[in-house]
Amino acid sequence: MTEKLWILLMPDFVTTDKVIADGVYYSAEKSQELYENGITPAIPPPAHSVVHNQENLSSWHDKAVNYINEKGTVYSLHKKYGYGSRALVEAQFSRIKRCIGSSLKSIKIESQKREAIIIGNILNL
């Protein structure tokens, strides 16, 4: 699935206030974009990250790196932004894949939206 395709599959009534992802998905630019759109990026920066002090380009990155440096460990950032709930999400995706497989069967986006809703309803029974 491409990077932006998941947005097309999200129902219109779903809002997002936080994105939790593994550190391999970290990008200072993308984290800043999320932050500017009112979404908290709970994605840990790399261990070798430094403060850039570039206004409007790295305010979220600098905030995260400063917090880690202040507390002395990346786990403080995990705790502050709820990174631990990522394991629950991973477990739910594992459950879904074991029940229905690892991909949607429909080809068209509209059909995939309906398929995802049906799968969610079945799993919630």
PDB file of N, CA and C in Angstrom:
ATOM      1  N   MET A   1       0.848  -1.164   0.000  1.00  0.00           N
ATOM      2  CA  MET A   1       0.000   0.000   0.000  1.00  0.00           C
ATOM      3  C   MET A   1       0.899   1.235   0.000  1.00  0.00           C
ATOM      4  N   THR A   2       0.603   2.182  -0.849  1.00  0.00           N
ATOM      5  CA  THR A   2       1.433   3.377  -0.907  1.00  0.00           C
ATOM      6  C   THR A   2       1.212   4.237   0.332  1.00  0.00           C
ATOM      7  N   GLU A   3       2.105   5.185   0.525  1.00  0.00           N
ATOM      8  CA  GLU A   3       2.120   6.003   1.728  1.00  0.00           C
ATOM      9  C   GLU A   3       0.801   6.739   1.967  1.00  0.00           C
ATOM     10  N   LYS A   4       0.186   7.301   0.948  1.00  0.00           N
ATOM     11  CA  LYS A   4      -1.031   8.109   1.109  1.00  0.00           C
ATOM     12  C   LYS A   4      -2.320   7.315   0.867  1.00  0.00           C
ATOM     13  N   LEU A   5      -2.227   6.078   0.389  1.00  0.00           N
ATOM     14  CA  LEU A   5      -3.424   5.312   0.065  1.00  0.00           C
ATOM     15  C   LEU A   5      -4.268   5.015   1.291  1.00  0.00           C
ATOM     16  N   TRP A   6      -3.647   4.823   2.454  1.00  0.00           N
ATOM     17  CA  TRP A   6      -4.410   4.539   3.657  1.00  0.00           C
ATOM     18  C   TRP A   6      -5.370   5.665   3.988  1.00  0.00           C
ATOM     19  N   ILE A   7      -5.041   6.896   3.611  1.00  0.00           N
ATOM     20  CA  ILE A   7      -5.930   8.034   3.862  1.00  0.00           C
ATOM     21  C   ILE A   7      -7.237   7.850   3.092  1.00  0.00           C
ATOM     22  N   LEU A   8      -7.160   7.311   1.890  1.00  0.00           N
ATOM     23  CA  LEU A   8      -8.365   7.097   1.086  1.00  0.00           C
ATOM     24  C   LEU A   8      -9.274   6.031   1.704  1.00  0.00           C
ATOM     25  N   LEU A   9      -8.687   5.100   2.459  1.00  0.00           N
ATOM     26  CA  LEU A   9      -9.469   4.022   3.053  1.00  0.00           C
ATOM     27  C   LEU A   9     -10.106   4.411   4.385  1.00  0.00           C
ATOM     28  N   MET A  10      -9.673   5.511   4.967  1.00  0.00           N
ATOM     29  CA  MET A  10     -10.226   5.944   6.256  1.00  0.00           C
ATOM     30  C   MET A  10     -11.632   6.496   6.049  1.00  0.00           C
ATOM     31  N   PRO A  11     -12.582   6.092   6.895  1.00  0.00           N
ATOM     32  CA  PRO A  11     -13.925   6.677   6.809  1.00  0.00           C
ATOM     33  C   PRO A  11     -13.863   8.180   7.098  1.00  0.00           C
ATOM     34  N   ASP A  12     -14.781   8.934   6.510  1.00  0.00           N
ATOM     35  CA  ASP A  12     -14.788  10.389   6.653  1.00  0.00           C
ATOM     36  C   ASP A  12     -14.992  10.835   8.096  1.00  0.00           C
ATOM     37  N   PHE A  13     -15.687  10.034   8.899  1.00  0.00           N
ATOM     38  CA  PHE A  13     -16.008  10.444  10.261  1.00  0.00           C
ATOM     39  C   PHE A  13     -14.877  10.164  11.262  1.00  0.00           C
ATOM     40  N   VAL A  14     -13.798   9.535  10.826  1.00  0.00           N
ATOM     41  CA  VAL A  14     -12.684   9.217  11.712  1.00  0.00           C
ATOM     42  C   VAL A  14     -11.699  10.382  11.737  1.00  0.00           C
ATOM     43  N   THR A  15     -11.372  10.836  12.938  1.00  0.00           N
ATOM     44  CA  THR A  15     -10.367  11.883  13.089  1.00  0.00           C
ATOM     45  C   THR A  15      -9.132  11.285  13.756  1.00  0.00           C
ATOM     46  N   THR A  16      -7.990  11.883  13.511  1.00  0.00           N
ATOM     47  CA  THR A  16      -6.734  11.392  14.055  1.00  0.00           C
ATOM     48  C   THR A  16      -6.072  12.506  14.834  1.00  0.00           C
ATOM     49  N   ASP A  17      -5.714  12.213  16.085  1.00  0.00           N
ATOM     50  CA  ASP A  17      -4.997  13.218  16.867  1.00  0.00           C
ATOM     51  C   ASP A  17      -3.582  12.772  17.221  1.00  0.00           C
ATOM     52  N   LYS A  18      -3.252  11.494  16.923  1.00  0.00           N
ATOM     53  CA  LYS A  18      -1.920  10.991  17.218  1.00  0.00           C
ATOM     54  C   LYS A  18      -1.556   9.894  16.227  1.00  0.00           C
ATOM     55  N   VAL A  19      -0.304   9.889  15.790  1.00  0.00           N
ATOM     56  CA  VAL A  19       0.225   8.820  14.946  1.00  0.00           C
ATOM     57  C   VAL A  19       1.328   8.137  15.742  1.00  0.00           C
ATOM     58  N   ILE A  20       1.161   6.833  15.967  1.00  0.00           N
ATOM     59  CA  ILE A  20       2.164   6.053  16.683  1.00  0.00           C
ATOM     60  C   ILE A  20       2.827   5.128  15.677  1.00  0.00           C
ATOM     61  N   ALA A  21       4.151   5.225  15.558  1.00  0.00           N
ATOM     62  CA  ALA A  21       4.860   4.390  14.592  1.00  0.00           C
ATOM     63  C   ALA A  21       6.237   4.033  15.135  1.00  0.00           C
ATOM     64  N   ASP A  22       6.795   2.990  14.589  1.00  0.00           N
ATOM     65  CA  ASP A  22       8.136   2.546  14.928  1.00  0.00           C
ATOM     66  C   ASP A  22       9.143   3.606  14.480  1.00  0.00           C
ATOM     67  N   GLY A  23      10.284   3.638  15.144  1.00  0.00           N
ATOM     68  CA  GLY A  23      11.315   4.627  14.843  1.00  0.00           C
ATOM     69  C   GLY A  23      11.854   4.580  13.426  1.00  0.00           C
ATOM     70  N   VAL A  24      11.740   3.426  12.753  1.00  0.00           N
ATOM     71  CA  VAL A  24      12.246   3.355  11.376  1.00  0.00           C
ATOM     72  C   VAL A  24      11.444   4.247  10.431  1.00  0.00           C
ATOM     73  N   TYR A  25      10.250   4.652  10.846  1.00  0.00           N
ATOM     74  CA  TYR A  25       9.417   5.528  10.034  1.00  0.00           C
ATOM     75  C   TYR A  25       9.628   6.997  10.370  1.00  0.00           C
ATOM     76  N   TYR A  26      10.588   7.293  11.238  1.00  0.00           N
ATOM     77  CA  TYR A  26      10.796   8.674  11.668  1.00  0.00           C
ATOM     78  C   TYR A  26      11.400   9.525  10.561  1.00  0.00           C
ATOM     79  N   SER A  27      10.851  10.699  10.422  1.00  0.00           N
ATOM     80  CA  SER A  27      11.385  11.718   9.526  1.00  0.00           C
ATOM     81  C   SER A  27      11.060  13.054  10.173  1.00  0.00           C
ATOM     82  N   ALA A  28      12.061  13.897  10.356  1.00  0.00           N
ATOM     83  CA  ALA A  28      11.831  15.200  10.982  1.00  0.00           C
ATOM     84  C   ALA A  28      10.817  16.015  10.179  1.00  0.00           C
ATOM     85  N   GLU A  29      10.901  15.935   8.858  1.00  0.00           N
ATOM     86  CA  GLU A  29       9.989  16.709   8.006  1.00  0.00           C
ATOM     87  C   GLU A  29       8.549  16.215   8.132  1.00  0.00           C
ATOM     88  N   LYS A  30       8.363  14.887   8.087  1.00  0.00           N
ATOM     89  CA  LYS A  30       7.006  14.348   8.183  1.00  0.00           C
ATOM     90  C   LYS A  30       6.423  14.551   9.577  1.00  0.00           C
ATOM     91  N   SER A  31       7.273  14.425  10.607  1.00  0.00           N
ATOM     92  CA  SER A  31       6.815  14.679  11.972  1.00  0.00           C
ATOM     93  C   SER A  31       6.371  16.127  12.126  1.00  0.00           C
ATOM     94  N   GLN A  32       7.115  17.044  11.542  1.00  0.00           N
ATOM     95  CA  GLN A  32       6.757  18.462  11.590  1.00  0.00           C
ATOM     96  C   GLN A  32       5.440  18.716  10.859  1.00  0.00           C
ATOM     97  N   GLU A  33       5.257  18.067   9.727  1.00  0.00           N
ATOM     98  CA  GLU A  33       4.009  18.215   8.965  1.00  0.00           C
ATOM     99  C   GLU A  33       2.818  17.726   9.782  1.00  0.00           C
ATOM    100  N   LEU A  34       2.964  16.581  10.432  1.00  0.00           N
ATOM    101  CA  LEU A  34       1.897  16.077  11.298  1.00  0.00           C
ATOM    102  C   LEU A  34       1.603  17.071  12.415  1.00  0.00           C
ATOM    103  N   TYR A  35       2.656  17.534  13.067  1.00  0.00           N
ATOM    104  CA  TYR A  35       2.538  18.464  14.192  1.00  0.00           C
ATOM    105  C   TYR A  35       1.817  19.738  13.767  1.00  0.00           C
ATOM    106  N   GLU A  36       2.147  20.268  12.612  1.00  0.00           N
ATOM    107  CA  GLU A  36       1.510  21.489  12.108  1.00  0.00           C
ATOM    108  C   GLU A  36       0.037  21.275  11.776  1.00  0.00           C
ATOM    109  N   ASN A  37      -0.355  20.020  11.517  1.00  0.00           N
ATOM    110  CA  ASN A  37      -1.751  19.702  11.223  1.00  0.00           C
ATOM    111  C   ASN A  37      -2.516  19.238  12.459  1.00  0.00           C
ATOM    112  N   GLY A  38      -1.945  19.473  13.645  1.00  0.00           N
ATOM    113  CA  GLY A  38      -2.635  19.146  14.889  1.00  0.00           C
ATOM    114  C   GLY A  38      -2.582  17.678  15.276  1.00  0.00           C
ATOM    115  N   ILE A  39      -1.665  16.932  14.693  1.00  0.00           N
ATOM    116  CA  ILE A  39      -1.523  15.507  14.979  1.00  0.00           C
ATOM    117  C   ILE A  39      -0.209  15.297  15.728  1.00  0.00           C
ATOM    118  N   THR A  40      -0.276  14.631  16.879  1.00  0.00           N
ATOM    119  CA  THR A  40       0.926  14.367  17.661  1.00  0.00           C
ATOM    120  C   THR A  40       1.670  13.181  17.070  1.00  0.00           C
ATOM    121  N   PRO A  41       2.908  13.369  16.620  1.00  0.00           N
ATOM    122  CA  PRO A  41       3.673  12.241  16.081  1.00  0.00           C
ATOM    123  C   PRO A  41       4.405  11.504  17.210  1.00  0.00           C
ATOM    124  N   ALA A  42       3.874  10.371  17.646  1.00  0.00           N
ATOM    125  CA  ALA A  42       4.508   9.556  18.685  1.00  0.00           C
ATOM    126  C   ALA A  42       5.447   8.562  18.002  1.00  0.00           C
ATOM    127  N   ILE A  43       6.476   9.116  17.398  1.00  0.00           N
ATOM    128  CA  ILE A  43       7.470   8.337  16.660  1.00  0.00           C
ATOM    129  C   ILE A  43       8.830   8.740  17.219  1.00  0.00           C
ATOM    130  N   PRO A  44       9.555   7.826  17.838  1.00  0.00           N
ATOM    131  CA  PRO A  44      10.829   8.216  18.444  1.00  0.00           C
ATOM    132  C   PRO A  44      11.888   8.558  17.401  1.00  0.00           C
ATOM    133  N   PRO A  45      12.612   9.670  17.622  1.00  0.00           N
ATOM    134  CA  PRO A  45      13.695  10.020  16.694  1.00  0.00           C
ATOM    135  C   PRO A  45      14.884   9.075  16.902  1.00  0.00           C
ATOM    136  N   PRO A  46      15.791   8.994  15.935  1.00  0.00           N
ATOM    137  CA  PRO A  46      16.968   8.135  16.089  1.00  0.00           C
ATOM    138  C   PRO A  46      17.809   8.553  17.299  1.00  0.00           C
ATOM    139  N   ALA A  47      18.551   7.606  17.839  1.00  0.00           N
ATOM    140  CA  ALA A  47      19.360   7.854  19.038  1.00  0.00           C
ATOM    141  C   ALA A  47      20.415   8.934  18.812  1.00  0.00           C
ATOM    142  N   HIS A  48      20.890   9.086  17.599  1.00  0.00           N
ATOM    143  CA  HIS A  48      21.942  10.060  17.298  1.00  0.00           C
ATOM    144  C   HIS A  48      21.396  11.445  16.915  1.00  0.00           C
ATOM    145  N   SER A  49      20.108  11.682  17.106  1.00  0.00           N
ATOM    146  CA  SER A  49      19.482  12.950  16.708  1.00  0.00           C
ATOM    147  C   SER A  49      20.028  14.124  17.510  1.00  0.00           C
ATOM    148  N   VAL A  50      20.121  15.262  16.844  1.00  0.00           N
ATOM    149  CA  VAL A  50      20.563  16.497  17.488  1.00  0.00           C
ATOM    150  C   VAL A  50      19.523  17.583  17.234  1.00  0.00           C
ATOM    151  N   VAL A  51      19.562  18.618  18.061  1.00  0.00           N
ATOM    152  CA  VAL A  51      18.655  19.755  17.913  1.00  0.00           C
ATOM    153  C   VAL A  51      19.121  20.595  16.721  1.00  0.00           C
ATOM    154  N   HIS A  52      18.173  20.965  15.845  1.00  0.00           N
ATOM    155  CA  HIS A  52      18.510  21.720  14.634  1.00  0.00           C
ATOM    156  C   HIS A  52      18.279  23.217  14.785  1.00  0.00           C
ATOM    157  N   ASN A  53      17.356  23.604  15.657  1.00  0.00           N
ATOM    158  CA  ASN A  53      17.012  25.019  15.862  1.00  0.00           C
ATOM    159  C   ASN A  53      16.636  25.730  14.565  1.00  0.00           C
ATOM    160  N   GLN A  54      15.876  25.071  13.729  1.00  0.00           N
ATOM    161  CA  GLN A  54      15.376  25.683  12.497  1.00  0.00           C
ATOM    162  C   GLN A  54      13.883  25.925  12.683  1.00  0.00           C
ATOM    163  N   GLU A  55      13.524  27.162  12.928  1.00  0.00           N
ATOM    164  CA  GLU A  55      12.135  27.499  13.175  1.00  0.00           C
ATOM    165  C   GLU A  55      11.256  27.074  11.995  1.00  0.00           C
ATOM    166  N   ASN A  56      10.094  26.520  12.266  1.00  0.00           N
ATOM    167  CA  ASN A  56       9.109  26.038  11.297  1.00  0.00           C
ATOM    168  C   ASN A  56       9.552  24.780  10.543  1.00  0.00           C
ATOM    169  N   LEU A  57      10.796  24.376  10.673  1.00  0.00           N
ATOM    170  CA  LEU A  57      11.250  23.170   9.985  1.00  0.00           C
ATOM    171  C   LEU A  57      11.476  22.008  10.941  1.00  0.00           C
ATOM    172  N   SER A  58      11.796  22.318  12.197  1.00  0.00           N
ATOM    173  CA  SER A  58      12.146  21.221  13.098  1.00  0.00           C
ATOM    174  C   SER A  58      11.660  21.436  14.523  1.00  0.00           C
ATOM    175  N   SER A  59      10.605  22.197  14.733  1.00  0.00           N
ATOM    176  CA  SER A  59      10.175  22.476  16.100  1.00  0.00           C
ATOM    177  C   SER A  59       9.760  21.200  16.827  1.00  0.00           C
ATOM    178  N   TRP A  60       9.041  20.291  16.149  1.00  0.00           N
ATOM    179  CA  TRP A  60       8.657  19.044  16.812  1.00  0.00           C
ATOM    180  C   TRP A  60       9.883  18.176  17.072  1.00  0.00           C
ATOM    181  N   HIS A  61      10.746  18.060  16.104  1.00  0.00           N
ATOM    182  CA  HIS A  61      11.973  17.277  16.248  1.00  0.00           C
ATOM    183  C   HIS A  61      12.792  17.802  17.431  1.00  0.00           C
ATOM    184  N   ASP A  62      12.986  19.106  17.486  1.00  0.00           N
ATOM    185  CA  ASP A  62      13.769  19.714  18.567  1.00  0.00           C
ATOM    186  C   ASP A  62      13.102  19.477  19.917  1.00  0.00           C
ATOM    187  N   LYS A  63      11.788  19.589  19.954  1.00  0.00           N
ATOM    188  CA  LYS A  63      11.039  19.360  21.196  1.00  0.00           C
ATOM    189  C   LYS A  63      11.251  17.920  21.681  1.00  0.00           C
ATOM    190  N   ALA A  64      11.155  16.962  20.778  1.00  0.00           N
ATOM    191  CA  ALA A  64      11.322  15.555  21.138  1.00  0.00           C
ATOM    192  C   ALA A  64      12.756  15.266  21.586  1.00  0.00           C
ATOM    193  N   VAL A  65      13.732  15.749  20.847  1.00  0.00           N
ATOM    194  CA  VAL A  65      15.141  15.506  21.180  1.00  0.00           C
ATOM    195  C   VAL A  65      15.497  16.167  22.511  1.00  0.00           C
ATOM    196  N   ASN A  66      15.042  17.394  22.727  1.00  0.00           N
ATOM    197  CA  ASN A  66      15.294  18.073  23.998  1.00  0.00           C
ATOM    198  C   ASN A  66      14.676  17.315  25.169  1.00  0.00           C
ATOM    199  N   TYR A  67      13.468  16.795  24.982  1.00  0.00           N
ATOM    200  CA  TYR A  67      12.800  16.045  26.048  1.00  0.00           C
ATOM    201  C   TYR A  67      13.586  14.773  26.381  1.00  0.00           C
ATOM    202  N   ILE A  68      14.032  14.066  25.356  1.00  0.00           N
ATOM    203  CA  ILE A  68      14.831  12.850  25.574  1.00  0.00           C
ATOM    204  C   ILE A  68      16.137  13.193  26.292  1.00  0.00           C
ATOM    205  N   ASN A  69      16.805  14.246  25.864  1.00  0.00           N
ATOM    206  CA  ASN A  69      18.063  14.657  26.496  1.00  0.00           C
ATOM    207  C   ASN A  69      17.845  15.082  27.948  1.00  0.00           C
ATOM    208  N   GLU A  70      16.743  15.776  28.198  1.00  0.00           N
ATOM    209  CA  GLU A  70      16.426  16.240  29.548  1.00  0.00           C
ATOM    210  C   GLU A  70      16.159  15.066  30.494  1.00  0.00           C
ATOM    211  N   LYS A  71      15.405  14.082  30.011  1.00  0.00           N
ATOM    212  CA  LYS A  71      15.036  12.935  30.849  1.00  0.00           C
ATOM    213  C   LYS A  71      16.095  11.837  30.838  1.00  0.00           C
ATOM    214  N   GLY A  72      16.946  11.828  29.820  1.00  0.00           N
ATOM    215  CA  GLY A  72      18.041  10.865  29.776  1.00  0.00           C
ATOM    216  C   GLY A  72      17.745   9.553  29.076  1.00  0.00           C
ATOM    217  N   THR A  73      16.523   9.365  28.597  1.00  0.00           N
ATOM    218  CA  THR A  73      16.182   8.117  27.912  1.00  0.00           C
ATOM    219  C   THR A  73      15.008   8.314  26.964  1.00  0.00           C
ATOM    220  N   VAL A  74      15.014   7.558  25.879  1.00  0.00           N
ATOM    221  CA  VAL A  74      13.925   7.643  24.905  1.00  0.00           C
ATOM    222  C   VAL A  74      12.630   7.078  25.486  1.00  0.00           C
ATOM    223  N   TYR A  75      12.746   6.233  26.500  1.00  0.00           N
ATOM    224  CA  TYR A  75      11.549   5.627  27.096  1.00  0.00           C
ATOM    225  C   TYR A  75      10.665   6.670  27.777  1.00  0.00           C
ATOM    226  N   SER A  76      11.250   7.778  28.191  1.00  0.00           N
ATOM    227  CA  SER A  76      10.441   8.852  28.760  1.00  0.00           C
ATOM    228  C   SER A  76       9.522   9.447  27.689  1.00  0.00           C
ATOM    229  N   LEU A  77      10.040   9.559  26.464  1.00  0.00           N
ATOM    230  CA  LEU A  77       9.218  10.037  25.347  1.00  0.00           C
ATOM    231  C   LEU A  77       8.115   9.021  25.046  1.00  0.00           C
ATOM    232  N   HIS A  78       8.453   7.739  25.083  1.00  0.00           N
ATOM    233  CA  HIS A  78       7.457   6.679  24.865  1.00  0.00           C
ATOM    234  C   HIS A  78       6.318   6.827  25.858  1.00  0.00           C
ATOM    235  N   LYS A  79       6.666   7.001  27.133  1.00  0.00           N
ATOM    236  CA  LYS A  79       5.651   7.086  28.178  1.00  0.00           C
ATOM    237  C   LYS A  79       4.800   8.344  28.024  1.00  0.00           C
ATOM    238  N   LYS A  80       5.446   9.468  27.746  1.00  0.00           N
ATOM    239  CA  LYS A  80       4.726  10.747  27.640  1.00  0.00           C
ATOM    240  C   LYS A  80       3.685  10.738  26.525  1.00  0.00           C
ATOM    241  N   TYR A  81       4.001  10.118  25.393  1.00  0.00           N
ATOM    242  CA  TYR A  81       3.114  10.175  24.229  1.00  0.00           C
ATOM    243  C   TYR A  81       2.371   8.864  23.949  1.00  0.00           C
ATOM    244  N   GLY A  82       2.397   7.922  24.887  1.00  0.00           N
ATOM    245  CA  GLY A  82       1.600   6.710  24.739  1.00  0.00           C
ATOM    246  C   GLY A  82       2.094   5.739  23.689  1.00  0.00           C
ATOM    247  N   TYR A  83       3.395   5.720  23.469  1.00  0.00           N
ATOM    248  CA  TYR A  83       3.977   4.830  22.455  1.00  0.00           C
ATOM    249  C   TYR A  83       3.711   3.362  22.773  1.00  0.00           C
ATOM    250  N   GLY A  84       3.550   3.039  24.059  1.00  0.00           N
ATOM    251  CA  GLY A  84       3.322   1.650  24.468  1.00  0.00           C
ATOM    252  C   GLY A  84       2.045   1.048  23.899  1.00  0.00           C
ATOM    253  N   SER A  85       1.067   1.879  23.559  1.00  0.00           N
ATOM    254  CA  SER A  85      -0.181   1.348  23.003  1.00  0.00           C
ATOM    255  C   SER A  85       0.024   0.798  21.591  1.00  0.00           C
ATOM    256  N   ARG A  86       1.184   1.063  20.996  1.00  0.00           N
ATOM    257  CA  ARG A  86       1.506   0.534  19.672  1.00  0.00           C
ATOM    258  C   ARG A  86       1.455  -0.990  19.674  1.00  0.00           C
ATOM    259  N   ALA A  87       1.887  -1.609  20.770  1.00  0.00           N
ATOM    260  CA  ALA A  87       1.866  -3.069  20.870  1.00  0.00           C
ATOM    261  C   ALA A  87       0.439  -3.604  20.774  1.00  0.00           C
ATOM    262  N   LEU A  88      -0.512  -2.902  21.340  1.00  0.00           N
ATOM    263  CA  LEU A  88      -1.917  -3.321  21.264  1.00  0.00           C
ATOM    264  C   LEU A  88      -2.432  -3.261  19.827  1.00  0.00           C
ATOM    265  N   VAL A  89      -2.018  -2.208  19.118  1.00  0.00           N
ATOM    266  CA  VAL A  89      -2.422  -2.054  17.714  1.00  0.00           C
ATOM    267  C   VAL A  89      -1.814  -3.175  16.874  1.00  0.00           C
ATOM    268  N   GLU A  90      -0.525  -3.464  17.101  1.00  0.00           N
ATOM    269  CA  GLU A  90       0.149  -4.545  16.368  1.00  0.00           C
ATOM    270  C   GLU A  90      -0.543  -5.884  16.621  1.00  0.00           C
ATOM    271  N   ALA A  91      -0.956  -6.126  17.862  1.00  0.00           N
ATOM    272  CA  ALA A  91      -1.648  -7.369  18.192  1.00  0.00           C
ATOM    273  C   ALA A  91      -2.991  -7.463  17.471  1.00  0.00           C
ATOM    274  N   GLN A  92      -3.691  -6.319  17.372  1.00  0.00           N
ATOM    275  CA  GLN A  92      -4.979  -6.319  16.669  1.00  0.00           C
ATOM    276  C   GLN A  92      -4.795  -6.596  15.176  1.00  0.00           C
ATOM    277  N   PHE A  93      -3.766  -5.999  14.562  1.00  0.00           N
ATOM    278  CA  PHE A  93      -3.507  -6.275  13.148  1.00  0.00           C
ATOM    279  C   PHE A  93      -3.144  -7.739  12.938  1.00  0.00           C
ATOM    280  N   SER A  94      -2.405  -8.314  13.856  1.00  0.00           N
ATOM    281  CA  SER A  94      -2.072  -9.732  13.766  1.00  0.00           C
ATOM    282  C   SER A  94      -3.341 -10.577  13.804  1.00  0.00           C
ATOM    283  N   ARG A  95      -4.255 -10.218  14.686  1.00  0.00           N
ATOM    284  CA  ARG A  95      -5.533 -10.938  14.796  1.00  0.00           C
ATOM    285  C   ARG A  95      -6.322 -10.842  13.489  1.00  0.00           C
ATOM    286  N   ILE A  96      -6.382  -9.653  12.924  1.00  0.00           N
ATOM    287  CA  ILE A  96      -7.113  -9.458  11.673  1.00  0.00           C
ATOM    288  C   ILE A  96      -6.499 -10.304  10.563  1.00  0.00           C
ATOM    289  N   LYS A  97      -5.178 -10.271  10.441  1.00  0.00           N
ATOM    290  CA  LYS A  97      -4.506 -11.026   9.379  1.00  0.00           C
ATOM    291  C   LYS A  97      -4.695 -12.523   9.540  1.00  0.00           C
ATOM    292  N   ARG A  98      -4.723 -13.023  10.775  1.00  0.00           N
ATOM    293  CA  ARG A  98      -4.955 -14.451  10.990  1.00  0.00           C
ATOM    294  C   ARG A  98      -6.380 -14.837  10.614  1.00  0.00           C
ATOM    295  N   CYS A  99      -7.326 -13.899  10.813  1.00  0.00           N
ATOM    296  CA  CYS A  99      -8.733 -14.194  10.523  1.00  0.00           C
ATOM    297  C   CYS A  99      -9.065 -14.088   9.032  1.00  0.00           C
ATOM    298  N   ILE A 100      -8.560 -13.048   8.368  1.00  0.00           N
ATOM    299  CA  ILE A 100      -8.999 -12.790   6.990  1.00  0.00           C
ATOM    300  C   ILE A 100      -7.896 -12.758   5.959  1.00  0.00           C
ATOM    301  N   GLY A 101      -6.658 -12.858   6.370  1.00  0.00           N
ATOM    302  CA  GLY A 101      -5.555 -12.760   5.424  1.00  0.00           C
ATOM    303  C   GLY A 101      -4.893 -11.398   5.487  1.00  0.00           C
ATOM    304  N   SER A 102      -3.828 -11.232   4.746  1.00  0.00           N
ATOM    305  CA  SER A 102      -3.020 -10.012   4.870  1.00  0.00           C
ATOM    306  C   SER A 102      -3.310  -8.944   3.824  1.00  0.00           C
ATOM    307  N   SER A 103      -4.328  -9.131   3.002  1.00  0.00           N
ATOM    308  CA  SER A 103      -4.631  -8.105   2.005  1.00  0.00           C
ATOM    309  C   SER A 103      -6.127  -8.051   1.745  1.00  0.00           C
ATOM    310  N   LEU A 104      -6.573  -6.904   1.237  1.00  0.00           N
ATOM    311  CA  LEU A 104      -7.967  -6.768   0.841  1.00  0.00           C
ATOM    312  C   LEU A 104      -8.156  -7.453  -0.504  1.00  0.00           C
ATOM    313  N   LYS A 105      -9.340  -7.980  -0.746  1.00  0.00           N
ATOM    314  CA  LYS A 105      -9.612  -8.717  -1.980  1.00  0.00           C
ATOM    315  C   LYS A 105     -10.118  -7.820  -3.107  1.00  0.00           C
ATOM    316  N   SER A 106     -10.731  -6.694  -2.732  1.00  0.00           N
ATOM    317  CA  SER A 106     -11.286  -5.777  -3.732  1.00  0.00           C
ATOM    318  C   SER A 106     -10.185  -4.990  -4.421  1.00  0.00           C
ATOM    319  N   ILE A 107     -10.481  -4.531  -5.627  1.00  0.00           N
ATOM    320  CA  ILE A 107      -9.506  -3.773  -6.400  1.00  0.00           C
ATOM    321  C   ILE A 107      -9.799  -2.273  -6.337  1.00  0.00           C
ATOM    322  N   LYS A 108     -11.060  -1.889  -6.493  1.00  0.00           N
ATOM    323  CA  LYS A 108     -11.428  -0.476  -6.494  1.00  0.00           C
ATOM    324  C   LYS A 108     -11.444   0.082  -5.068  1.00  0.00           C
ATOM    325  N   ILE A 109     -11.064   1.354  -4.924  1.00  0.00           N
ATOM    326  CA  ILE A 109     -10.989   2.007  -3.621  1.00  0.00           C
ATOM    327  C   ILE A 109     -12.333   1.981  -2.907  1.00  0.00           C
ATOM    328  N   GLU A 110     -13.414   2.297  -3.598  1.00  0.00           N
ATOM    329  CA  GLU A 110     -14.739   2.294  -2.971  1.00  0.00           C
ATOM    330  C   GLU A 110     -15.094   0.906  -2.444  1.00  0.00           C
ATOM    331  N   SER A 111     -14.760  -0.119  -3.205  1.00  0.00           N
ATOM    332  CA  SER A 111     -15.021  -1.492  -2.761  1.00  0.00           C
ATOM    333  C   SER A 111     -14.155  -1.851  -1.563  1.00  0.00           C
ATOM    334  N   GLN A 112     -12.899  -1.362  -1.550  1.00  0.00           N
ATOM    335  CA  GLN A 112     -12.015  -1.624  -0.418  1.00  0.00           C
ATOM    336  C   GLN A 112     -12.540  -0.957   0.850  1.00  0.00           C
ATOM    337  N   LYS A 113     -13.114   0.242   0.714  1.00  0.00           N
ATOM    338  CA  LYS A 113     -13.709   0.910   1.875  1.00  0.00           C
ATOM    339  C   LYS A 113     -14.828   0.061   2.463  1.00  0.00           C
ATOM    340  N   ARG A 114     -15.704  -0.438   1.595  1.00  0.00           N
ATOM    341  CA  ARG A 114     -16.811  -1.272   2.067  1.00  0.00           C
ATOM    342  C   ARG A 114     -16.292  -2.580   2.666  1.00  0.00           C
ATOM    343  N   GLU A 115     -15.289  -3.163   2.024  1.00  0.00           N
ATOM    344  CA  GLU A 115     -14.702  -4.410   2.529  1.00  0.00           C
ATOM    345  C   GLU A 115     -14.103  -4.206   3.921  1.00  0.00           C
ATOM    346  N   ALA A 116     -13.405  -3.094   4.123  1.00  0.00           N
ATOM    347  CA  ALA A 116     -12.799  -2.810   5.427  1.00  0.00           C
ATOM    348  C   ALA A 116     -13.869  -2.631   6.499  1.00  0.00           C
ATOM    349  N   ILE A 117     -14.976  -1.980   6.168  1.00  0.00           N
ATOM    350  CA  ILE A 117     -16.082  -1.803   7.119  1.00  0.00           C
ATOM    351  C   ILE A 117     -16.701  -3.144   7.475  1.00  0.00           C
ATOM    352  N   ILE A 118     -16.892  -3.983   6.480  1.00  0.00           N
ATOM    353  CA  ILE A 118     -17.466  -5.314   6.714  1.00  0.00           C
ATOM    354  C   ILE A 118     -16.543  -6.146   7.614  1.00  0.00           C
ATOM    355  N   ILE A 119     -15.250  -6.106   7.336  1.00  0.00           N
ATOM    356  CA  ILE A 119     -14.284  -6.857   8.139  1.00  0.00           C
ATOM    357  C   ILE A 119     -14.311  -6.365   9.580  1.00  0.00           C
ATOM    358  N   GLY A 120     -14.321  -5.042   9.759  1.00  0.00           N
ATOM    359  CA  GLY A 120     -14.379  -4.469  11.116  1.00  0.00           C
ATOM    360  C   GLY A 120     -15.633  -4.896  11.854  1.00  0.00           C
ATOM    361  N   ASN A 121     -16.766  -4.901  11.167  1.00  0.00           N
ATOM    362  CA  ASN A 121     -18.020  -5.329  11.796  1.00  0.00           C
ATOM    363  C   ASN A 121     -17.988  -6.795  12.174  1.00  0.00           C
ATOM    364  N   ILE A 122     -17.441  -7.635  11.322  1.00  0.00           N
ATOM    365  CA  ILE A 122     -17.336  -9.060  11.614  1.00  0.00           C
ATOM    366  C   ILE A 122     -16.439  -9.290  12.822  1.00  0.00           C
ATOM    367  N   LEU A 123     -15.284  -8.618  12.866  1.00  0.00           N
ATOM    368  CA  LEU A 123     -14.360  -8.793  13.987  1.00  0.00           C
ATOM    369  C   LEU A 123     -14.927  -8.287  15.296  1.00  0.00           C
ATOM    370  N   ASN A 124     -15.806  -7.297  15.225  1.00  0.00           N
ATOM    371  CA  ASN A 124     -16.402  -6.749  16.446  1.00  0.00           C
ATOM    372  C   ASN A 124     -17.551  -7.589  16.976  1.00  0.00           C
ATOM    373  N   LEU A 125     -17.993  -8.580  16.207  1.00  0.00           N
ATOM    374  CA  LEU A 125     -19.072  -9.442  16.712  1.00  0.00           C
ATOM    375  C   LEU A 125     -18.588 -10.189  17.874  1.00  0.00           C
TER     376      LEU A 125
END
